[in-house]
């Protein structure tokens, strides 16, 4: 088989926000690779830094964000070092993004067809007529009926699912190598959600690209992802193939996330939820950020940050439980045979 091509390498990325109250350490040394043809999912609670990492790759952070350290390598270039002008030639063309809420990302005063055609004109140098023709083909491709008619309409005339499809059409208009999808199905009902995910899968195959998917929904990951990165409090705390993360998770936070899957809940029992809240990222975190919420917390967790332990060639986790000196701990019962339960739930 062909060796895996690394399309994108994020290395030790640190992003802070300057605020009146001081600096917030939003991303604290994140490292992961995205391979060609792969869907990589980043999962974590709100505030774990997953969206900030994604926006930093696109270099569309807010004005008070600072890249403190690290590299984002794409096509031999470090994106953190490029000027805005250089980024403009990559953004949309090589790396495109589908946002969480299409209503705020689409321009309400411009027709959908025009909005899709804009990027095509800019990056592919087509004439207005040719670009519009391609935009109509894309509207058709993402499954919006009557594409010629729809191309002339405005976002407010579209349903939520159709706006999301329009965003996807925009994202893929230049056949990017990487499609970043930030919670692409959050605002949609379950049936539309399933259709959008199928659509993303189809598109990945069509443009032979890779998807970086940000989500807090483990069900979406089970269906879509090849590789999973679990983030907590601005750090990667576990990463592995989707099979490894669901079959043999190692970090207590990953256990907790999986335990809260509705698909695993026994009938008439209360759904599991993680107690407490993530730490404030204003303060310097000592030890493991998850320690205060971790029922398996060791004394060392409050003193020293755990390193990344390697479990297999593809599976890593940052928990002191993997240290040879740590006591042996049984995984929570709910996820001990998680794999069989999930195979039923998701047809993995």
Protein backbone atom coordinates (compact mmCIF):
# COMPACT_ATOMS: atom_id res chain seq x y z
CA UNK A 1 0.00 0.00 0.00
CA UNK A 2 1.15 3.57 -0.59
CA UNK A 3 2.75 5.25 2.40
CA UNK A 4 0.42 7.74 4.02
CA UNK A 5 0.97 11.27 2.80
CA UNK A 6 0.83 13.88 5.56
CA UNK A 7 -1.22 16.75 4.11
CA UNK A 8 -1.18 18.85 7.24
CA UNK A 9 1.05 18.72 10.31
CA UNK A 10 0.18 20.72 13.40
CA UNK A 11 3.14 20.79 15.78
CA UNK A 12 3.08 22.07 19.36
CA UNK A 13 0.57 24.80 18.51
CA UNK A 14 -0.06 27.36 21.27
CA UNK A 15 -2.66 30.09 20.87
CA UNK A 16 -3.45 32.70 23.54
CA UNK A 17 -6.12 35.41 23.69
CA UNK A 18 -5.32 38.82 25.09
CA UNK A 19 -8.17 40.02 27.31
CA UNK A 20 -8.68 42.68 29.98
CA UNK A 21 -8.33 39.98 32.61
CA UNK A 22 -5.02 38.69 31.24
CA UNK A 23 -4.04 36.05 28.68
CA UNK A 24 -6.21 33.01 28.10
CA UNK A 25 -4.26 29.91 27.03
CA UNK A 26 -6.84 28.59 24.57
CA UNK A 27 -4.61 26.06 22.78
CA UNK A 28 -1.79 24.59 24.84
CA UNK A 29 0.67 22.71 22.64
CA UNK A 30 -1.51 20.77 20.20
CA UNK A 31 0.08 18.25 17.82
CA UNK A 32 -1.60 16.09 15.16
CA UNK A 33 -1.27 15.06 11.50
CA UNK A 34 -3.92 14.88 8.80
CA UNK A 35 -3.23 12.35 6.05
CA UNK A 36 -4.40 12.45 2.45
CA UNK A 37 -7.86 10.94 1.99
CA UNK A 38 -8.49 10.72 5.74
CA UNK A 39 -11.28 12.11 7.91
CA UNK A 40 -9.78 13.31 11.17
CA UNK A 41 -12.24 14.22 13.92
CA UNK A 42 -11.41 16.54 16.80
CA UNK A 43 -13.73 16.01 19.74
CA UNK A 44 -14.11 17.74 23.09
CA UNK A 45 -16.47 19.83 25.21
CA UNK A 46 -17.11 23.49 24.43
CA UNK A 47 -14.03 25.53 25.27
CA UNK A 48 -11.59 22.66 24.71
CA UNK A 49 -9.83 24.67 21.99
CA UNK A 50 -10.96 22.63 18.98
CA UNK A 51 -12.53 25.53 17.04
CA UNK A 52 -9.62 27.85 17.87
CA UNK A 53 -7.16 25.28 16.50
CA UNK A 54 -9.23 25.00 13.33
CA UNK A 55 -9.54 28.76 12.81
CA UNK A 56 -5.79 29.10 13.40
CA UNK A 57 -5.14 26.67 10.53
CA UNK A 58 -7.27 28.94 8.32
CA UNK A 59 -5.69 32.02 9.97
CA UNK A 60 -9.11 33.53 10.63
CA UNK A 61 -8.66 34.05 14.37
CA UNK A 62 -10.06 37.04 16.20
CA UNK A 63 -7.85 40.12 16.45
CA UNK A 64 -6.89 39.45 20.07
CA UNK A 65 -5.51 35.97 19.29
CA UNK A 66 -1.76 35.36 19.32
CA UNK A 67 0.07 32.34 17.96
CA UNK A 68 2.58 31.87 20.78
CA UNK A 69 4.41 28.86 19.45
CA UNK A 70 4.27 25.93 17.05
CA UNK A 71 4.01 25.25 13.33
CA UNK A 72 1.21 24.38 10.92
CA UNK A 73 2.86 22.74 7.92
CA UNK A 74 0.97 22.45 4.65
CA UNK A 75 2.55 21.86 1.25
CA UNK A 76 5.99 22.55 2.70
CA UNK A 77 4.94 25.95 4.08
CA UNK A 78 4.38 26.97 7.70
CA UNK A 79 0.97 28.65 7.65
CA UNK A 80 1.69 30.51 10.90
CA UNK A 81 4.44 32.46 9.11
CA UNK A 82 2.54 33.45 5.96
CA UNK A 83 1.29 36.98 5.26
CA UNK A 84 -2.44 37.60 4.88
CA UNK A 85 -1.89 37.96 1.12
CA UNK A 86 -0.18 34.55 0.90
CA UNK A 87 -2.94 32.99 3.02
CA UNK A 88 -5.59 34.37 0.65
CA UNK A 89 -4.25 32.21 -2.15
CA UNK A 90 -4.55 29.08 0.04
CA UNK A 91 -7.81 29.86 1.84
CA UNK A 92 -10.77 28.60 -0.16
CA UNK A 93 -8.55 27.07 -2.82
CA UNK A 94 -6.46 24.49 -0.93
CA UNK A 95 -8.08 24.62 2.49
CA UNK A 96 -11.76 25.52 2.78
CA UNK A 97 -14.02 25.76 5.80
CA UNK A 98 -17.66 24.96 6.42
CA UNK A 99 -18.93 26.84 9.45
CA UNK A 100 -21.28 25.83 12.21
CA UNK A 101 -24.02 28.33 11.50
CA UNK A 102 -24.67 29.03 7.84
CA UNK A 103 -27.00 31.92 8.64
CA UNK A 104 -24.13 34.02 10.00
CA UNK A 105 -21.63 32.82 7.38
CA UNK A 106 -23.72 33.45 4.26
CA UNK A 107 -24.16 37.00 2.99
CA UNK A 108 -27.88 37.87 3.30
CA UNK A 109 -27.73 40.46 0.49
CA UNK A 110 -26.24 38.24 -2.23
CA UNK A 111 -27.86 35.33 -4.07
CA UNK A 112 -26.59 31.84 -3.24
CA UNK A 113 -25.38 31.32 -6.82
CA UNK A 114 -23.28 34.49 -6.73
CA UNK A 115 -21.77 33.59 -3.36
CA UNK A 116 -20.66 30.19 -4.64
CA UNK A 117 -19.40 31.69 -7.92
CA UNK A 118 -17.24 34.33 -6.12
CA UNK A 119 -14.59 31.85 -4.99
CA UNK A 120 -14.56 30.12 -8.36
CA UNK A 121 -13.88 33.43 -10.14
CA UNK A 122 -11.19 34.36 -7.63
CA UNK A 123 -9.27 31.08 -7.48
CA UNK A 124 -10.00 29.43 -10.81
CA UNK A 125 -10.04 32.45 -13.07
CA UNK A 126 -13.30 31.50 -14.78
CA UNK A 127 -15.58 34.11 -16.36
CA UNK A 128 -18.76 35.11 -14.52
CA UNK A 129 -20.89 32.96 -16.85
CA UNK A 130 -18.68 29.87 -16.49
CA UNK A 131 -18.46 30.34 -12.71
CA UNK A 132 -22.24 30.63 -12.44
CA UNK A 133 -22.64 27.48 -14.52
CA UNK A 134 -20.29 25.66 -12.15
CA UNK A 135 -22.13 27.10 -9.12
CA UNK A 136 -25.43 25.68 -10.45
CA UNK A 137 -23.76 22.27 -10.95
CA UNK A 138 -22.52 22.41 -7.34
CA UNK A 139 -25.98 23.35 -6.02
CA UNK A 140 -27.28 20.32 -7.86
CA UNK A 141 -24.43 18.12 -6.59
CA UNK A 142 -25.16 18.91 -2.92
CA UNK A 143 -28.73 17.80 -3.47
CA UNK A 144 -30.67 21.06 -3.64
CA UNK A 145 -33.60 20.65 -6.07
CA UNK A 146 -34.24 23.13 -8.95
CA UNK A 147 -30.64 24.42 -8.89
CA UNK A 148 -31.13 27.10 -11.60
CA UNK A 149 -34.02 28.62 -9.68
CA UNK A 150 -32.30 28.23 -6.30
CA UNK A 151 -29.09 29.91 -7.52
CA UNK A 152 -31.06 33.15 -7.94
CA UNK A 153 -32.47 33.05 -4.40
CA UNK A 154 -31.18 34.52 -1.13
CA UNK A 155 -30.19 32.69 2.09
CA UNK A 156 -33.41 33.65 3.91
CA UNK A 157 -35.38 31.75 1.27
CA UNK A 158 -33.57 28.51 2.17
CA UNK A 159 -34.24 26.05 5.01
CA UNK A 160 -31.46 25.34 7.54
CA UNK A 161 -30.49 22.11 5.81
CA UNK A 162 -30.36 23.82 2.40
CA UNK A 163 -28.21 26.65 3.78
CA UNK A 164 -25.82 24.05 5.17
CA UNK A 165 -25.72 22.36 1.75
CA UNK A 166 -25.00 25.74 0.13
CA UNK A 167 -22.08 26.23 2.54
CA UNK A 168 -20.75 22.81 1.55
CA UNK A 169 -21.11 23.73 -2.13
CA UNK A 170 -19.13 26.89 -1.40
CA UNK A 171 -16.51 24.97 0.52
CA UNK A 172 -15.94 22.48 -2.27
CA UNK A 173 -16.25 24.95 -5.15
CA UNK A 174 -12.48 24.97 -5.73
CA UNK A 175 -11.96 21.29 -4.90
CA UNK A 176 -9.77 21.97 -1.88
CA UNK A 177 -7.27 19.41 -0.60
CA UNK A 178 -8.62 19.90 2.93
CA UNK A 179 -12.17 20.67 4.03
CA UNK A 180 -12.47 21.92 7.60
CA UNK A 181 -15.96 21.31 8.95
CA UNK A 182 -16.73 22.97 12.28
CA UNK A 183 -19.78 21.27 13.84
CA UNK A 184 -21.39 21.09 10.39
CA UNK A 185 -24.64 19.52 11.60
CA UNK A 186 -25.29 21.14 14.98
CA UNK A 187 -28.32 23.20 14.02
CA UNK A 188 -30.01 20.47 11.98
CA UNK A 189 -32.50 17.77 12.84
CA UNK A 190 -31.35 14.17 12.86
CA UNK A 191 -32.52 13.09 9.39
CA UNK A 192 -31.01 16.16 7.71
CA UNK A 193 -27.87 15.64 9.80
CA UNK A 194 -27.47 12.11 8.41
CA UNK A 195 -27.91 13.39 4.85
CA UNK A 196 -25.29 16.12 5.34
CA UNK A 197 -22.78 13.59 6.73
CA UNK A 198 -23.38 11.27 3.77
CA UNK A 199 -22.89 14.25 1.49
CA UNK A 200 -19.54 15.11 3.12
CA UNK A 201 -18.40 11.50 2.67
CA UNK A 202 -19.37 11.56 -1.02
CA UNK A 203 -17.59 14.85 -1.56
CA UNK A 204 -14.41 13.64 0.12
CA UNK A 205 -14.32 10.74 -2.35
CA UNK A 206 -15.19 12.98 -5.33
CA UNK A 207 -12.49 15.58 -4.71
CA UNK A 208 -10.09 12.98 -3.27
CA UNK A 209 -9.53 15.34 -0.35
CA UNK A 210 -9.30 15.10 3.42
CA UNK A 211 -11.73 16.31 6.05
CA UNK A 212 -10.91 17.82 9.41
CA UNK A 213 -14.15 17.51 11.35
CA UNK A 214 -14.80 19.33 14.61
CA UNK A 215 -17.61 17.92 16.67
CA UNK A 216 -18.74 17.09 20.18
CA UNK A 217 -20.92 14.28 18.83
CA UNK A 218 -19.35 10.84 19.18
CA UNK A 219 -22.06 9.31 17.01
CA UNK A 220 -20.92 11.49 14.11
CA UNK A 221 -17.34 10.37 14.74
CA UNK A 222 -18.24 6.68 14.74
CA UNK A 223 -19.81 7.13 11.31
CA UNK A 224 -17.36 9.54 9.70
CA UNK A 225 -13.88 9.45 11.15
CA UNK A 226 -10.78 7.39 10.43
CA UNK A 227 -8.72 9.01 13.16
CA UNK A 228 -9.79 10.81 16.34
CA UNK A 229 -8.13 13.54 18.43
CA UNK A 230 -9.66 14.11 21.88
CA UNK A 231 -9.09 17.59 23.32
CA UNK A 232 -9.56 18.87 26.84
CA UNK A 233 -8.70 22.32 28.23
CA UNK A 234 -6.65 23.29 25.19
CA UNK A 235 -4.61 20.08 24.96
CA UNK A 236 -4.75 16.79 23.07
CA UNK A 237 -5.26 14.16 25.76
CA UNK A 238 -5.77 11.12 23.54
CA UNK A 239 -5.51 10.31 19.84
CA UNK A 240 -5.89 7.15 17.83
CA UNK A 241 -7.76 5.44 15.03
CA UNK A 242 -11.53 5.51 15.44
CA UNK A 243 -11.33 1.79 16.20
CA UNK A 244 -8.76 2.31 18.99
CA UNK A 245 -10.65 5.17 20.60
CA UNK A 246 -13.93 3.23 20.67
CA UNK A 247 -12.46 -0.24 21.27
CA UNK A 248 -9.80 0.55 23.85
CA UNK A 249 -9.89 4.14 25.15
CA UNK A 250 -7.20 4.90 27.74
CA UNK A 251 -7.84 8.37 29.17
CA UNK A 252 -10.46 8.76 31.94
CA UNK A 253 -11.86 11.78 30.07
CA UNK A 254 -12.39 9.65 26.95
CA UNK A 255 -14.07 7.04 29.16
CA UNK A 256 -16.36 9.74 30.52
CA UNK A 257 -17.20 11.06 27.04
CA UNK A 258 -18.02 7.57 25.79
CA UNK A 259 -20.04 6.78 28.91
CA UNK A 260 -22.31 9.73 28.16
CA UNK A 261 -23.28 8.34 24.73
CA UNK A 262 -27.08 8.00 24.67
CA UNK A 263 -26.64 4.85 22.55
CA UNK A 264 -25.05 3.08 25.56
CA UNK A 265 -27.62 4.11 28.16
CA UNK A 266 -29.62 1.28 29.69
CA UNK A 267 -33.36 1.78 29.57
CA UNK A 268 -34.81 3.66 32.54
CA UNK A 269 -31.40 4.68 33.84
CA UNK A 270 -30.08 8.18 34.16
CA UNK A 271 -27.74 9.21 31.36
CA UNK A 272 -24.16 9.54 32.59
CA UNK A 273 -22.75 13.06 32.74
CA UNK A 274 -19.33 14.37 33.70
CA UNK A 275 -19.46 16.27 36.99
CA UNK A 276 -17.82 19.67 37.41
CA UNK A 277 -16.66 22.08 34.73
CA UNK A 278 -13.46 22.47 32.69
CA UNK A 279 -10.79 24.67 34.33
CA UNK A 280 -10.35 28.36 33.58
CA UNK A 281 -7.59 28.85 31.04
CA UNK A 282 -6.62 32.21 32.53
CA UNK A 283 -4.64 30.45 35.20
CA UNK A 284 -1.56 28.34 34.65
CA UNK A 285 -2.71 24.76 34.99
CA UNK A 286 -0.62 22.56 37.26
CA UNK A 287 -0.76 18.82 36.68
CA UNK A 288 -3.52 17.19 34.63
CA UNK A 289 -6.29 19.68 33.78
CA UNK A 290 -8.88 16.90 34.11
CA UNK A 291 -7.76 15.94 37.65
CA UNK A 292 -10.52 17.79 39.60
CA UNK A 293 -13.23 15.94 37.62
CA UNK A 294 -11.42 12.62 37.39
CA UNK A 295 -12.69 9.83 39.68
CA UNK A 296 -9.46 7.92 38.94
CA UNK A 297 -7.23 10.86 39.91
CA UNK A 298 -3.80 9.97 41.34
CA UNK A 299 -1.78 12.24 43.58
CA UNK A 300 0.71 12.83 40.75
CA UNK A 301 -2.15 14.21 38.59
CA UNK A 302 -2.32 17.29 40.81
CA UNK A 303 1.44 17.86 40.70
CA UNK A 304 2.77 17.10 37.23
CA UNK A 305 1.33 17.16 33.75
CA UNK A 306 1.24 13.66 32.27
CA UNK A 307 3.33 13.08 29.14
CA UNK A 308 1.91 11.44 25.99
CA UNK A 309 2.30 7.69 26.42
CA UNK A 310 2.43 5.59 23.25
CA UNK A 311 0.13 2.57 23.22
CA UNK A 312 0.45 1.55 19.54
CA UNK A 313 1.94 3.16 16.42
CA UNK A 314 -1.23 5.23 16.09
CA UNK A 315 -2.62 5.42 19.63
CA UNK A 316 -1.36 7.86 22.30
CA UNK A 317 -2.81 9.13 25.57
CA UNK A 318 -1.69 11.63 28.21
CA UNK A 319 -2.65 10.00 31.48
CA UNK A 320 -0.50 8.91 34.43
CA UNK A 321 -2.56 5.69 34.56
CA UNK A 322 -0.36 4.45 31.68
CA UNK A 323 2.80 4.90 33.72
CA UNK A 324 4.19 1.47 34.72
CA UNK A 325 4.22 2.62 38.39
CA UNK A 326 0.51 3.52 38.39
CA UNK A 327 -2.06 1.25 40.06
CA UNK A 328 -4.08 -0.90 37.69
CA UNK A 329 -7.54 0.58 37.16
CA UNK A 330 -10.59 -1.12 35.67
CA UNK A 331 -12.42 0.84 32.99
CA UNK A 332 -15.99 1.84 33.90
CA UNK A 333 -18.35 -1.07 33.34
CA UNK A 334 -20.53 0.86 30.89
CA UNK A 335 -17.70 0.97 28.34
CA UNK A 336 -16.06 -2.38 28.98
CA UNK A 337 -17.87 -4.04 26.09
CA UNK A 338 -18.44 -0.76 24.34
CA UNK A 339 -17.36 -2.10 21.02
CA UNK A 340 -20.15 -4.67 20.66
CA UNK A 341 -22.76 -2.11 21.74
CA UNK A 342 -21.47 0.45 19.29
CA UNK A 343 -21.24 -2.03 16.46
CA UNK A 344 -24.97 -2.49 16.90
CA UNK A 345 -25.67 1.22 17.28
CA UNK A 346 -23.51 2.50 14.43
CA UNK A 347 -22.91 -0.58 12.27
CA UNK A 348 -19.18 -0.11 12.63
